[in-house]
Amino acid sequence: MTERITITPQEPYIPEHDAFVLELQRLLACYQLASKGDRQIVWSALNKYVPQII
């Protein structure tokens, strides 16, 4: 009798630096497309990255 094996999908490996850059790119794209009110929300999300950029 064969034994059942369960395979679960895994997240693709993205180095931490690349994930950081991707997140910033997504937020900047959102900022560019956002309305004036939504830009304030995106801007506050971008503020959490300020210590890592400077």
Protein backbone atom coordinates (compact mmCIF):
# COMPACT_ATOMS: atom_id res chain seq x y z
CA MET A 1 0.00 0.00 0.00
CA THR A 2 1.31 3.46 -0.84
CA GLU A 3 1.61 6.14 1.76
CA ARG A 4 -0.18 9.44 1.12
CA ILE A 5 2.00 12.51 0.86
CA THR A 6 0.61 16.01 1.26
CA ILE A 7 2.35 18.81 -0.58
CA THR A 8 1.61 22.39 0.40
CA PRO A 9 2.53 25.35 -1.79
CA GLN A 10 5.33 27.53 -0.47
CA GLU A 11 5.84 31.23 -0.76
CA PRO A 12 8.57 32.10 -3.25
CA TYR A 13 11.79 33.14 -1.56
CA ILE A 14 12.31 36.90 -1.83
CA PRO A 15 15.40 38.32 -0.14
CA GLU A 16 14.58 40.88 2.54
CA HIS A 17 16.11 43.76 0.58
CA ASP A 18 14.12 42.90 -2.55
CA ALA A 19 10.90 42.61 -0.54
CA PHE A 20 11.62 46.05 0.94
CA VAL A 21 12.14 47.56 -2.52
CA LEU A 22 8.98 45.90 -3.89
CA GLU A 23 6.93 47.26 -1.00
CA LEU A 24 8.23 50.79 -1.56
CA GLN A 25 7.54 50.55 -5.29
CA ARG A 26 3.97 49.41 -4.64
CA LEU A 27 3.35 52.21 -2.16
CA LEU A 28 4.79 54.82 -4.51
CA ALA A 29 2.62 53.54 -7.36
CA CYS A 30 -0.42 53.71 -5.07
CA TYR A 31 0.49 57.24 -4.06
CA GLN A 32 0.74 58.34 -7.69
CA LEU A 33 -2.69 56.91 -8.53
CA ALA A 34 -4.46 57.92 -5.31
CA SER A 35 -6.89 60.74 -4.78
CA LYS A 36 -5.88 63.63 -2.54
CA GLY A 37 -7.49 62.06 0.54
CA ASP A 38 -6.03 58.63 -0.14
CA ARG A 39 -2.57 60.10 -0.63
CA GLN A 40 -2.51 61.04 3.05
CA ILE A 41 -3.12 57.39 3.98
CA VAL A 42 -0.42 56.12 1.62
CA TRP A 43 1.96 58.81 2.85
CA SER A 44 1.51 57.66 6.45
CA ALA A 45 2.33 54.10 5.33
CA LEU A 46 5.47 55.41 3.60
CA ASN A 47 6.52 57.19 6.81
CA LYS A 48 7.24 53.85 8.50
CA TYR A 49 10.13 53.35 6.02
CA VAL A 50 11.79 56.73 6.63
CA PRO A 51 14.29 55.42 9.25
CA GLN A 52 15.44 52.70 6.83
CA ILE A 53 15.88 55.06 3.89
CA ILE A 54 17.77 57.89 5.58
